[in-house]
Each structure stands twice: as structure tokens, then as C-alpha cells.
Amino acid sequence: MNDHSATLAQLKQEVQDFVSERDWQQFHAPKNLAMSISIEAAELMEHFQWLDSAASRKHNLAADQLHLIGEELADVLAYCLALANELQIDLSDALIQKMAKNREKYPADEFRGKY
């Protein structure tokens, strides 16, 4: 599976299967999963902590660094998918709605090149 062939539903099922096989549903309260997302995001940030913006770009990172960053990013995603499973949130719908809201809040004509 890769980004071009995997569906969000397949990824959510992969996480659900992993959790079910270990009987971890009992630990997956939304509070715990939200905390885990934050913890894993902090671990992801550690890889960039002392880099300037230019050094943090992909072409400046070694292959082994990219692998470790990918692992941390996967941890964040896995917990996001687990939280969506736990709360029965349709992530595709949530993302599409949020992007529509962001387009209204940040019109491209007004915000292009500005942060």
C-alpha cells in the first residue's frame, strides 16, 4: 500500500485491527488518544528543534532522518485515525468541511504569500 493506492477507510481499518488484536479499546478514551497525538507531535518536533527553516527542508535531511520523521508522523496519524474510530468521525468529510471553512476565512487573493 502507498499514498496513491490506500484509502482512508483502509488505514482506519488497519489501526482498528491493530487495536482490537491487542484489546486496547479499553485504553482508547478520547482524552487518552488526544493526549497521545500531542505527545507524538512533540516527538516529531524534536527532529526539527534546532534547525532553521532552510535546514528543515526535505533536501537537507539525510535518508535516516527522513525515515525517523516518517515513523513519528505515522504515530501521529495512527492516533488521529484511532480517535476518529473511537468517536466515529468521518475524517474525509471533516477535512473537506474544514478546508471550505479555511477558504472562507483565508481567501487566496488576500493571503497569498502571507502568513
PDB file of N, CA and C in Angstrom:
ATOM      1  N   MET A   1       0.841  -1.177   0.000  1.00  0.00           N
ATOM      2  CA  MET A   1       0.000   0.000   0.000  1.00  0.00           C
ATOM      3  C   MET A   1       0.887   1.242   0.000  1.00  0.00           C
ATOM      4  N   ASN A   2       0.457   2.268  -0.684  1.00  0.00           N
ATOM      5  CA  ASN A   2       1.143   3.556  -0.645  1.00  0.00           C
ATOM      6  C   ASN A   2       0.100   4.667  -0.719  1.00  0.00           C
ATOM      7  N   ASP A   3       0.555   5.901  -0.681  1.00  0.00           N
ATOM      8  CA  ASP A   3      -0.363   7.040  -0.667  1.00  0.00           C
ATOM      9  C   ASP A   3      -1.287   7.072  -1.877  1.00  0.00           C
ATOM     10  N   HIS A   4      -0.852   6.504  -2.981  1.00  0.00           N
ATOM     11  CA  HIS A   4      -1.660   6.548  -4.197  1.00  0.00           C
ATOM     12  C   HIS A   4      -2.702   5.437  -4.260  1.00  0.00           C
ATOM     13  N   SER A   5      -2.517   4.399  -3.457  1.00  0.00           N
ATOM     14  CA  SER A   5      -3.459   3.285  -3.533  1.00  0.00           C
ATOM     15  C   SER A   5      -4.282   3.082  -2.266  1.00  0.00           C
ATOM     16  N   ALA A   6      -3.793   3.529  -1.123  1.00  0.00           N
ATOM     17  CA  ALA A   6      -4.508   3.316   0.132  1.00  0.00           C
ATOM     18  C   ALA A   6      -5.652   4.309   0.279  1.00  0.00           C
ATOM     19  N   THR A   7      -6.747   3.833   0.825  1.00  0.00           N
ATOM     20  CA  THR A   7      -7.860   4.731   1.146  1.00  0.00           C
ATOM     21  C   THR A   7      -7.819   5.044   2.632  1.00  0.00           C
ATOM     22  N   LEU A   8      -8.456   6.110   2.994  1.00  0.00           N
ATOM     23  CA  LEU A   8      -8.550   6.466   4.406  1.00  0.00           C
ATOM     24  C   LEU A   8      -9.287   5.366   5.177  1.00  0.00           C
ATOM     25  N   ALA A   9     -10.290   4.783   4.572  1.00  0.00           N
ATOM     26  CA  ALA A   9     -11.030   3.691   5.218  1.00  0.00           C
ATOM     27  C   ALA A   9     -10.108   2.503   5.498  1.00  0.00           C
ATOM     28  N   GLN A  10      -9.225   2.187   4.566  1.00  0.00           N
ATOM     29  CA  GLN A  10      -8.284   1.087   4.779  1.00  0.00           C
ATOM     30  C   GLN A  10      -7.328   1.396   5.922  1.00  0.00           C
ATOM     31  N   LEU A  11      -6.853   2.614   5.986  1.00  0.00           N
ATOM     32  CA  LEU A  11      -5.939   2.996   7.061  1.00  0.00           C
ATOM     33  C   LEU A  11      -6.646   2.967   8.418  1.00  0.00           C
ATOM     34  N   LYS A  12      -7.880   3.461   8.450  1.00  0.00           N
ATOM     35  CA  LYS A  12      -8.643   3.413   9.696  1.00  0.00           C
ATOM     36  C   LYS A  12      -8.859   1.966  10.128  1.00  0.00           C
ATOM     37  N   GLN A  13      -9.125   1.078   9.169  1.00  0.00           N
ATOM     38  CA  GLN A  13      -9.324  -0.338   9.488  1.00  0.00           C
ATOM     39  C   GLN A  13      -8.031  -0.973   9.975  1.00  0.00           C
ATOM     40  N   GLU A  14      -6.910  -0.604   9.374  1.00  0.00           N
ATOM     41  CA  GLU A  14      -5.598  -1.111   9.812  1.00  0.00           C
ATOM     42  C   GLU A  14      -5.357  -0.775  11.276  1.00  0.00           C
ATOM     43  N   VAL A  15      -5.646   0.464  11.656  1.00  0.00           N
ATOM     44  CA  VAL A  15      -5.477   0.884  13.046  1.00  0.00           C
ATOM     45  C   VAL A  15      -6.475   0.154  13.935  1.00  0.00           C
ATOM     46  N   GLN A  16      -7.717   0.043  13.497  1.00  0.00           N
ATOM     47  CA  GLN A  16      -8.735  -0.650  14.297  1.00  0.00           C
ATOM     48  C   GLN A  16      -8.359  -2.111  14.525  1.00  0.00           C
ATOM     49  N   ASP A  17      -7.865  -2.770  13.484  1.00  0.00           N
ATOM     50  CA  ASP A  17      -7.441  -4.166  13.630  1.00  0.00           C
ATOM     51  C   ASP A  17      -6.301  -4.285  14.641  1.00  0.00           C
ATOM     52  N   PHE A  18      -5.326  -3.401  14.541  1.00  0.00           N
ATOM     53  CA  PHE A  18      -4.191  -3.406  15.459  1.00  0.00           C
ATOM     54  C   PHE A  18      -4.670  -3.241  16.905  1.00  0.00           C
ATOM     55  N   VAL A  19      -5.551  -2.281  17.119  1.00  0.00           N
ATOM     56  CA  VAL A  19      -6.080  -2.012  18.461  1.00  0.00           C
ATOM     57  C   VAL A  19      -6.886  -3.212  18.965  1.00  0.00           C
ATOM     58  N   SER A  20      -7.750  -3.755  18.120  1.00  0.00           N
ATOM     59  CA  SER A  20      -8.605  -4.882  18.520  1.00  0.00           C
ATOM     60  C   SER A  20      -7.789  -6.126  18.848  1.00  0.00           C
ATOM     61  N   GLU A  21      -6.762  -6.408  18.043  1.00  0.00           N
ATOM     62  CA  GLU A  21      -5.929  -7.589  18.277  1.00  0.00           C
ATOM     63  C   GLU A  21      -5.256  -7.549  19.638  1.00  0.00           C
ATOM     64  N   ARG A  22      -5.078  -6.373  20.197  1.00  0.00           N
ATOM     65  CA  ARG A  22      -4.403  -6.211  21.480  1.00  0.00           C
ATOM     66  C   ARG A  22      -5.362  -5.872  22.619  1.00  0.00           C
ATOM     67  N   ASP A  23      -6.655  -5.803  22.300  1.00  0.00           N
ATOM     68  CA  ASP A  23      -7.673  -5.443  23.287  1.00  0.00           C
ATOM     69  C   ASP A  23      -7.348  -4.108  23.944  1.00  0.00           C
ATOM     70  N   TRP A  24      -6.965  -3.145  23.126  1.00  0.00           N
ATOM     71  CA  TRP A  24      -6.588  -1.830  23.627  1.00  0.00           C
ATOM     72  C   TRP A  24      -7.738  -0.823  23.597  1.00  0.00           C
ATOM     73  N   GLN A  25      -8.929  -1.242  23.155  1.00  0.00           N
ATOM     74  CA  GLN A  25     -10.050  -0.307  23.135  1.00  0.00           C
ATOM     75  C   GLN A  25     -10.293   0.265  24.521  1.00  0.00           C
ATOM     76  N   GLN A  26     -10.045  -0.539  25.535  1.00  0.00           N
ATOM     77  CA  GLN A  26     -10.265  -0.103  26.916  1.00  0.00           C
ATOM     78  C   GLN A  26      -9.399   1.097  27.299  1.00  0.00           C
ATOM     79  N   PHE A  27      -8.289   1.294  26.593  1.00  0.00           N
ATOM     80  CA  PHE A  27      -7.388   2.399  26.895  1.00  0.00           C
ATOM     81  C   PHE A  27      -7.594   3.595  25.960  1.00  0.00           C
ATOM     82  N   HIS A  28      -8.441   3.416  24.959  1.00  0.00           N
ATOM     83  CA  HIS A  28      -8.580   4.437  23.918  1.00  0.00           C
ATOM     84  C   HIS A  28      -9.722   5.412  24.171  1.00  0.00           C
ATOM     85  N   ALA A  29      -9.775   5.927  25.380  1.00  0.00           N
ATOM     86  CA  ALA A  29     -10.708   7.015  25.661  1.00  0.00           C
ATOM     87  C   ALA A  29     -10.270   8.221  24.829  1.00  0.00           C
ATOM     88  N   PRO A  30     -11.210   9.003  24.339  1.00  0.00           N
ATOM     89  CA  PRO A  30     -10.830  10.172  23.542  1.00  0.00           C
ATOM     90  C   PRO A  30      -9.777  11.049  24.204  1.00  0.00           C
ATOM     91  N   LYS A  31      -9.858  11.232  25.512  1.00  0.00           N
ATOM     92  CA  LYS A  31      -8.867  12.025  26.246  1.00  0.00           C
ATOM     93  C   LYS A  31      -7.478  11.435  26.073  1.00  0.00           C
ATOM     94  N   ASN A  32      -7.353  10.137  26.228  1.00  0.00           N
ATOM     95  CA  ASN A  32      -6.051   9.479  26.109  1.00  0.00           C
ATOM     96  C   ASN A  32      -5.500   9.579  24.691  1.00  0.00           C
ATOM     97  N   LEU A  33      -6.366   9.415  23.714  1.00  0.00           N
ATOM     98  CA  LEU A  33      -5.914   9.483  22.317  1.00  0.00           C
ATOM     99  C   LEU A  33      -5.491  10.899  21.948  1.00  0.00           C
ATOM    100  N   ALA A  34      -6.246  11.899  22.407  1.00  0.00           N
ATOM    101  CA  ALA A  34      -5.869  13.284  22.137  1.00  0.00           C
ATOM    102  C   ALA A  34      -4.522  13.608  22.776  1.00  0.00           C
ATOM    103  N   MET A  35      -4.303  13.125  23.987  1.00  0.00           N
ATOM    104  CA  MET A  35      -3.017  13.333  24.644  1.00  0.00           C
ATOM    105  C   MET A  35      -1.900  12.636  23.868  1.00  0.00           C
ATOM    106  N   SER A  36      -2.166  11.457  23.386  1.00  0.00           N
ATOM    107  CA  SER A  36      -1.166  10.700  22.630  1.00  0.00           C
ATOM    108  C   SER A  36      -0.798  11.407  21.332  1.00  0.00           C
ATOM    109  N   ILE A  37      -1.773  12.025  20.685  1.00  0.00           N
ATOM    110  CA  ILE A  37      -1.482  12.802  19.473  1.00  0.00           C
ATOM    111  C   ILE A  37      -0.496  13.908  19.805  1.00  0.00           C
ATOM    112  N   SER A  38      -0.749  14.615  20.882  1.00  0.00           N
ATOM    113  CA  SER A  38       0.117  15.712  21.291  1.00  0.00           C
ATOM    114  C   SER A  38       1.522  15.223  21.636  1.00  0.00           C
ATOM    115  N   ILE A  39       1.600  14.127  22.341  1.00  0.00           N
ATOM    116  CA  ILE A  39       2.898  13.564  22.728  1.00  0.00           C
ATOM    117  C   ILE A  39       3.697  13.163  21.488  1.00  0.00           C
ATOM    118  N   GLU A  40       3.041  12.479  20.566  1.00  0.00           N
ATOM    119  CA  GLU A  40       3.734  12.059  19.347  1.00  0.00           C
ATOM    120  C   GLU A  40       4.111  13.264  18.484  1.00  0.00           C
ATOM    121  N   ALA A  41       3.265  14.282  18.453  1.00  0.00           N
ATOM    122  CA  ALA A  41       3.600  15.504  17.700  1.00  0.00           C
ATOM    123  C   ALA A  41       4.837  16.172  18.296  1.00  0.00           C
ATOM    124  N   ALA A  42       4.967  16.132  19.612  1.00  0.00           N
ATOM    125  CA  ALA A  42       6.153  16.694  20.257  1.00  0.00           C
ATOM    126  C   ALA A  42       7.398  15.898  19.868  1.00  0.00           C
ATOM    127  N   GLU A  43       7.272  14.575  19.780  1.00  0.00           N
ATOM    128  CA  GLU A  43       8.401  13.754  19.347  1.00  0.00           C
ATOM    129  C   GLU A  43       8.776  14.065  17.906  1.00  0.00           C
ATOM    130  N   LEU A  44       7.792  14.347  17.079  1.00  0.00           N
ATOM    131  CA  LEU A  44       8.046  14.756  15.699  1.00  0.00           C
ATOM    132  C   LEU A  44       8.797  16.087  15.673  1.00  0.00           C
ATOM    133  N   MET A  45       8.378  17.021  16.506  1.00  0.00           N
ATOM    134  CA  MET A  45       9.025  18.335  16.542  1.00  0.00           C
ATOM    135  C   MET A  45      10.486  18.254  16.958  1.00  0.00           C
ATOM    136  N   GLU A  46      10.830  17.263  17.769  1.00  0.00           N
ATOM    137  CA  GLU A  46      12.217  17.132  18.219  1.00  0.00           C
ATOM    138  C   GLU A  46      13.192  17.028  17.047  1.00  0.00           C
ATOM    139  N   HIS A  47      12.761  16.432  15.950  1.00  0.00           N
ATOM    140  CA  HIS A  47      13.641  16.263  14.792  1.00  0.00           C
ATOM    141  C   HIS A  47      13.995  17.598  14.139  1.00  0.00           C
ATOM    142  N   PHE A  48      13.220  18.611  14.398  1.00  0.00           N
ATOM    143  CA  PHE A  48      13.420  19.917  13.770  1.00  0.00           C
ATOM    144  C   PHE A  48      13.830  20.997  14.773  1.00  0.00           C
ATOM    145  N   GLN A  49      13.952  20.630  16.020  1.00  0.00           N
ATOM    146  CA  GLN A  49      14.099  21.585  17.113  1.00  0.00           C
ATOM    147  C   GLN A  49      15.191  22.625  16.888  1.00  0.00           C
ATOM    148  N   TRP A  50      16.345  22.262  16.432  1.00  0.00           N
ATOM    149  CA  TRP A  50      17.459  23.201  16.336  1.00  0.00           C
ATOM    150  C   TRP A  50      17.799  23.551  14.899  1.00  0.00           C
ATOM    151  N   LEU A  51      16.912  23.226  13.967  1.00  0.00           N
ATOM    152  CA  LEU A  51      17.153  23.531  12.561  1.00  0.00           C
ATOM    153  C   LEU A  51      16.479  24.842  12.184  1.00  0.00           C
ATOM    154  N   ASP A  52      17.102  25.599  11.296  1.00  0.00           N
ATOM    155  CA  ASP A  52      16.394  26.752  10.753  1.00  0.00           C
ATOM    156  C   ASP A  52      15.478  26.255   9.630  1.00  0.00           C
ATOM    157  N   SER A  53      14.676  27.133   9.097  1.00  0.00           N
ATOM    158  CA  SER A  53      13.691  26.733   8.080  1.00  0.00           C
ATOM    159  C   SER A  53      14.345  26.066   6.879  1.00  0.00           C
ATOM    160  N   ALA A  54      15.432  26.636   6.406  1.00  0.00           N
ATOM    161  CA  ALA A  54      16.102  26.073   5.226  1.00  0.00           C
ATOM    162  C   ALA A  54      16.623  24.666   5.507  1.00  0.00           C
ATOM    163  N   ALA A  55      17.212  24.470   6.668  1.00  0.00           N
ATOM    164  CA  ALA A  55      17.767  23.161   7.014  1.00  0.00           C
ATOM    165  C   ALA A  55      16.683  22.115   7.239  1.00  0.00           C
ATOM    166  N   SER A  56      15.487  22.554   7.549  1.00  0.00           N
ATOM    167  CA  SER A  56      14.401  21.605   7.814  1.00  0.00           C
ATOM    168  C   SER A  56      13.733  21.080   6.543  1.00  0.00           C
ATOM    169  N   ARG A  57      14.089  21.637   5.404  1.00  0.00           N
ATOM    170  CA  ARG A  57      13.506  21.184   4.138  1.00  0.00           C
ATOM    171  C   ARG A  57      14.026  19.793   3.795  1.00  0.00           C
ATOM    172  N   LYS A  58      13.202  19.024   3.106  1.00  0.00           N
ATOM    173  CA  LYS A  58      13.498  17.616   2.812  1.00  0.00           C
ATOM    174  C   LYS A  58      14.870  17.422   2.189  1.00  0.00           C
ATOM    175  N   HIS A  59      15.258  18.253   1.248  1.00  0.00           N
ATOM    176  CA  HIS A  59      16.522  18.033   0.550  1.00  0.00           C
ATOM    177  C   HIS A  59      17.743  18.236   1.443  1.00  0.00           C
ATOM    178  N   ASN A  60      17.553  18.800   2.607  1.00  0.00           N
ATOM    179  CA  ASN A  60      18.660  18.984   3.548  1.00  0.00           C
ATOM    180  C   ASN A  60      18.709  17.895   4.616  1.00  0.00           C
ATOM    181  N   LEU A  61      17.765  16.970   4.586  1.00  0.00           N
ATOM    182  CA  LEU A  61      17.700  15.932   5.610  1.00  0.00           C
ATOM    183  C   LEU A  61      18.236  14.617   5.056  1.00  0.00           C
ATOM    184  N   ALA A  62      18.977  13.903   5.867  1.00  0.00           N
ATOM    185  CA  ALA A  62      19.517  12.605   5.475  1.00  0.00           C
ATOM    186  C   ALA A  62      18.405  11.566   5.420  1.00  0.00           C
ATOM    187  N   ALA A  63      18.630  10.516   4.661  1.00  0.00           N
ATOM    188  CA  ALA A  63      17.627   9.455   4.496  1.00  0.00           C
ATOM    189  C   ALA A  63      17.231   8.836   5.830  1.00  0.00           C
ATOM    190  N   ASP A  64      18.204   8.636   6.727  1.00  0.00           N
ATOM    191  CA  ASP A  64      17.868   8.049   8.025  1.00  0.00           C
ATOM    192  C   ASP A  64      17.018   8.995   8.860  1.00  0.00           C
ATOM    193  N   GLN A  65      17.250  10.307   8.733  1.00  0.00           N
ATOM    194  CA  GLN A  65      16.412  11.286   9.428  1.00  0.00           C
ATOM    195  C   GLN A  65      14.991  11.241   8.874  1.00  0.00           C
ATOM    196  N   LEU A  66      14.868  11.183   7.557  1.00  0.00           N
ATOM    197  CA  LEU A  66      13.538  11.128   6.948  1.00  0.00           C
ATOM    198  C   LEU A  66      12.784   9.883   7.384  1.00  0.00           C
ATOM    199  N   HIS A  67      13.487   8.779   7.532  1.00  0.00           N
ATOM    200  CA  HIS A  67      12.848   7.543   7.997  1.00  0.00           C
ATOM    201  C   HIS A  67      12.287   7.724   9.413  1.00  0.00           C
ATOM    202  N   LEU A  68      13.098   8.282  10.292  1.00  0.00           N
ATOM    203  CA  LEU A  68      12.651   8.505  11.670  1.00  0.00           C
ATOM    204  C   LEU A  68      11.500   9.511  11.736  1.00  0.00           C
ATOM    205  N   ILE A  69      11.571  10.551  10.926  1.00  0.00           N
ATOM    206  CA  ILE A  69      10.479  11.529  10.859  1.00  0.00           C
ATOM    207  C   ILE A  69       9.209  10.853  10.365  1.00  0.00           C
ATOM    208  N   GLY A  70       9.347   9.986   9.363  1.00  0.00           N
ATOM    209  CA  GLY A  70       8.194   9.239   8.866  1.00  0.00           C
ATOM    210  C   GLY A  70       7.559   8.373   9.928  1.00  0.00           C
ATOM    211  N   GLU A  71       8.390   7.762  10.768  1.00  0.00           N
ATOM    212  CA  GLU A  71       7.861   6.951  11.867  1.00  0.00           C
ATOM    213  C   GLU A  71       7.054   7.794  12.852  1.00  0.00           C
ATOM    214  N   GLU A  72       7.579   8.963  13.201  1.00  0.00           N
ATOM    215  CA  GLU A  72       6.857   9.840  14.128  1.00  0.00           C
ATOM    216  C   GLU A  72       5.569  10.358  13.497  1.00  0.00           C
ATOM    217  N   LEU A  73       5.633  10.703  12.237  1.00  0.00           N
ATOM    218  CA  LEU A  73       4.442  11.157  11.522  1.00  0.00           C
ATOM    219  C   LEU A  73       3.397  10.046  11.470  1.00  0.00           C
ATOM    220  N   ALA A  74       3.853   8.813  11.281  1.00  0.00           N
ATOM    221  CA  ALA A  74       2.934   7.672  11.277  1.00  0.00           C
ATOM    222  C   ALA A  74       2.290   7.489  12.651  1.00  0.00           C
ATOM    223  N   ASP A  75       3.055   7.703  13.718  1.00  0.00           N
ATOM    224  CA  ASP A  75       2.484   7.616  15.066  1.00  0.00           C
ATOM    225  C   ASP A  75       1.374   8.647  15.255  1.00  0.00           C
ATOM    226  N   VAL A  76       1.626   9.875  14.814  1.00  0.00           N
ATOM    227  CA  VAL A  76       0.613  10.931  14.919  1.00  0.00           C
ATOM    228  C   VAL A  76      -0.628  10.519  14.130  1.00  0.00           C
ATOM    229  N   LEU A  77      -0.425  10.067  12.906  1.00  0.00           N
ATOM    230  CA  LEU A  77      -1.553   9.673  12.057  1.00  0.00           C
ATOM    231  C   LEU A  77      -2.321   8.503  12.664  1.00  0.00           C
ATOM    232  N   ALA A  78      -1.600   7.521  13.186  1.00  0.00           N
ATOM    233  CA  ALA A  78      -2.268   6.361  13.778  1.00  0.00           C
ATOM    234  C   ALA A  78      -3.176   6.783  14.936  1.00  0.00           C
ATOM    235  N   TYR A  79      -2.687   7.682  15.770  1.00  0.00           N
ATOM    236  CA  TYR A  79      -3.527   8.144  16.887  1.00  0.00           C
ATOM    237  C   TYR A  79      -4.698   8.993  16.384  1.00  0.00           C
ATOM    238  N   CYS A  80      -4.487   9.766  15.331  1.00  0.00           N
ATOM    239  CA  CYS A  80      -5.603  10.523  14.743  1.00  0.00           C
ATOM    240  C   CYS A  80      -6.665   9.578  14.208  1.00  0.00           C
ATOM    241  N   LEU A  81      -6.227   8.534  13.526  1.00  0.00           N
ATOM    242  CA  LEU A  81      -7.176   7.554  12.995  1.00  0.00           C
ATOM    243  C   LEU A  81      -7.877   6.806  14.123  1.00  0.00           C
ATOM    244  N   ALA A  82      -7.146   6.479  15.184  1.00  0.00           N
ATOM    245  CA  ALA A  82      -7.755   5.798  16.328  1.00  0.00           C
ATOM    246  C   ALA A  82      -8.812   6.685  16.991  1.00  0.00           C
ATOM    247  N   LEU A  83      -8.535   7.969  17.103  1.00  0.00           N
ATOM    248  CA  LEU A  83      -9.507   8.896  17.687  1.00  0.00           C
ATOM    249  C   LEU A  83     -10.737   9.017  16.790  1.00  0.00           C
ATOM    250  N   ALA A  84     -10.515   9.087  15.497  1.00  0.00           N
ATOM    251  CA  ALA A  84     -11.651   9.129  14.565  1.00  0.00           C
ATOM    252  C   ALA A  84     -12.474   7.853  14.678  1.00  0.00           C
ATOM    253  N   ASN A  85     -11.819   6.717  14.818  1.00  0.00           N
ATOM    254  CA  ASN A  85     -12.545   5.454  15.007  1.00  0.00           C
ATOM    255  C   ASN A  85     -13.357   5.478  16.292  1.00  0.00           C
ATOM    256  N   GLU A  86     -12.720   5.912  17.360  1.00  0.00           N
ATOM    257  CA  GLU A  86     -13.377   5.918  18.671  1.00  0.00           C
ATOM    258  C   GLU A  86     -14.609   6.818  18.686  1.00  0.00           C
ATOM    259  N   LEU A  87     -14.513   7.972  18.026  1.00  0.00           N
ATOM    260  CA  LEU A  87     -15.617   8.938  18.028  1.00  0.00           C
ATOM    261  C   LEU A  87     -16.505   8.839  16.788  1.00  0.00           C
ATOM    262  N   GLN A  88     -16.204   7.869  15.933  1.00  0.00           N
ATOM    263  CA  GLN A  88     -16.961   7.652  14.695  1.00  0.00           C
ATOM    264  C   GLN A  88     -17.045   8.934  13.866  1.00  0.00           C
ATOM    265  N   ILE A  89     -15.885   9.557  13.676  1.00  0.00           N
ATOM    266  CA  ILE A  89     -15.790  10.769  12.869  1.00  0.00           C
ATOM    267  C   ILE A  89     -15.350  10.388  11.467  1.00  0.00           C
ATOM    268  N   ASP A  90     -16.067  10.873  10.485  1.00  0.00           N
ATOM    269  CA  ASP A  90     -15.685  10.688   9.089  1.00  0.00           C
ATOM    270  C   ASP A  90     -14.628  11.738   8.773  1.00  0.00           C
ATOM    271  N   LEU A  91     -13.375  11.310   8.727  1.00  0.00           N
ATOM    272  CA  LEU A  91     -12.277  12.261   8.553  1.00  0.00           C
ATOM    273  C   LEU A  91     -12.297  12.945   7.198  1.00  0.00           C
ATOM    274  N   SER A  92     -12.693  12.236   6.170  1.00  0.00           N
ATOM    275  CA  SER A  92     -12.757  12.858   4.841  1.00  0.00           C
ATOM    276  C   SER A  92     -13.741  14.008   4.846  1.00  0.00           C
ATOM    277  N   ASP A  93     -14.908  13.767   5.405  1.00  0.00           N
ATOM    278  CA  ASP A  93     -15.925  14.814   5.492  1.00  0.00           C
ATOM    279  C   ASP A  93     -15.449  15.967   6.372  1.00  0.00           C
ATOM    280  N   ALA A  94     -14.845  15.626   7.512  1.00  0.00           N
ATOM    281  CA  ALA A  94     -14.355  16.669   8.428  1.00  0.00           C
ATOM    282  C   ALA A  94     -13.295  17.532   7.746  1.00  0.00           C
ATOM    283  N   LEU A  95     -12.390  16.911   7.004  1.00  0.00           N
ATOM    284  CA  LEU A  95     -11.336  17.671   6.337  1.00  0.00           C
ATOM    285  C   LEU A  95     -11.897  18.555   5.233  1.00  0.00           C
ATOM    286  N   ILE A  96     -12.792  18.022   4.433  1.00  0.00           N
ATOM    287  CA  ILE A  96     -13.385  18.808   3.344  1.00  0.00           C
ATOM    288  C   ILE A  96     -14.136  20.012   3.915  1.00  0.00           C
ATOM    289  N   GLN A  97     -14.913  19.798   4.977  1.00  0.00           N
ATOM    290  CA  GLN A  97     -15.644  20.903   5.597  1.00  0.00           C
ATOM    291  C   GLN A  97     -14.679  21.940   6.184  1.00  0.00           C
ATOM    292  N   LYS A  98     -13.611  21.481   6.827  1.00  0.00           N
ATOM    293  CA  LYS A  98     -12.651  22.398   7.433  1.00  0.00           C
ATOM    294  C   LYS A  98     -11.917  23.199   6.363  1.00  0.00           C
ATOM    295  N   MET A  99     -11.563  22.571   5.258  1.00  0.00           N
ATOM    296  CA  MET A  99     -10.884  23.294   4.186  1.00  0.00           C
ATOM    297  C   MET A  99     -11.806  24.343   3.565  1.00  0.00           C
ATOM    298  N   ALA A 100     -13.082  24.034   3.445  1.00  0.00           N
ATOM    299  CA  ALA A 100     -14.048  25.018   2.937  1.00  0.00           C
ATOM    300  C   ALA A 100     -14.127  26.205   3.895  1.00  0.00           C
ATOM    301  N   LYS A 101     -14.156  25.919   5.179  1.00  0.00           N
ATOM    302  CA  LYS A 101     -14.182  26.983   6.197  1.00  0.00           C
ATOM    303  C   LYS A 101     -12.902  27.823   6.123  1.00  0.00           C
ATOM    304  N   ASN A 102     -11.749  27.148   5.958  1.00  0.00           N
ATOM    305  CA  ASN A 102     -10.471  27.867   5.852  1.00  0.00           C
ATOM    306  C   ASN A 102     -10.415  28.730   4.595  1.00  0.00           C
ATOM    307  N   ARG A 103     -10.998  28.250   3.494  1.00  0.00           N
ATOM    308  CA  ARG A 103     -11.019  29.051   2.261  1.00  0.00           C
ATOM    309  C   ARG A 103     -11.799  30.347   2.461  1.00  0.00           C
ATOM    310  N   GLU A 104     -12.889  30.278   3.220  1.00  0.00           N
ATOM    311  CA  GLU A 104     -13.663  31.482   3.519  1.00  0.00           C
ATOM    312  C   GLU A 104     -12.880  32.411   4.449  1.00  0.00           C
ATOM    313  N   LYS A 105     -12.235  31.832   5.437  1.00  0.00           N
ATOM    314  CA  LYS A 105     -11.506  32.615   6.431  1.00  0.00           C
ATOM    315  C   LYS A 105     -10.239  33.236   5.854  1.00  0.00           C
ATOM    316  N   TYR A 106      -9.591  32.531   4.930  1.00  0.00           N
ATOM    317  CA  TYR A 106      -8.326  32.978   4.353  1.00  0.00           C
ATOM    318  C   TYR A 106      -8.406  32.980   2.824  1.00  0.00           C
ATOM    319  N   PRO A 107      -9.127  33.934   2.246  1.00  0.00           N
ATOM    320  CA  PRO A 107      -9.236  33.976   0.778  1.00  0.00           C
ATOM    321  C   PRO A 107      -7.846  34.078   0.139  1.00  0.00           C
ATOM    322  N   ALA A 108      -7.626  33.287  -0.902  1.00  0.00           N
ATOM    323  CA  ALA A 108      -6.309  33.229  -1.544  1.00  0.00           C
ATOM    324  C   ALA A 108      -5.854  34.605  -2.021  1.00  0.00           C
ATOM    325  N   ASP A 109      -6.775  35.410  -2.553  1.00  0.00           N
ATOM    326  CA  ASP A 109      -6.410  36.731  -3.057  1.00  0.00           C
ATOM    327  C   ASP A 109      -5.838  37.632  -1.962  1.00  0.00           C
ATOM    328  N   GLU A 110      -6.311  37.458  -0.732  1.00  0.00           N
ATOM    329  CA  GLU A 110      -5.869  38.292   0.379  1.00  0.00           C
ATOM    330  C   GLU A 110      -4.659  37.719   1.125  1.00  0.00           C
ATOM    331  N   PHE A 111      -4.484  36.411   1.078  1.00  0.00           N
ATOM    332  CA  PHE A 111      -3.489  35.780   1.920  1.00  0.00           C
ATOM    333  C   PHE A 111      -2.343  35.122   1.156  1.00  0.00           C
ATOM    334  N   ARG A 112      -2.341  35.208  -0.149  1.00  0.00           N
ATOM    335  CA  ARG A 112      -1.265  34.589  -0.926  1.00  0.00           C
ATOM    336  C   ARG A 112       0.088  35.145  -0.495  1.00  0.00           C
ATOM    337  N   GLY A 113       0.985  34.254  -0.075  1.00  0.00           N
ATOM    338  CA  GLY A 113       2.324  34.658   0.328  1.00  0.00           C
ATOM    339  C   GLY A 113       2.410  35.292   1.702  1.00  0.00           C
ATOM    340  N   LYS A 114       1.312  35.377   2.421  1.00  0.00           N
ATOM    341  CA  LYS A 114       1.300  35.951   3.780  1.00  0.00           C
ATOM    342  C   LYS A 114       0.963  34.856   4.776  1.00  0.00           C
ATOM    343  N   TYR A 115       1.490  34.986   5.967  1.00  0.00           N
ATOM    344  CA  TYR A 115       1.140  34.011   6.995  1.00  0.00           C
ATOM    345  C   TYR A 115       0.300  34.629   8.073  1.00  0.00           C
TER     346      TYR A 115
END
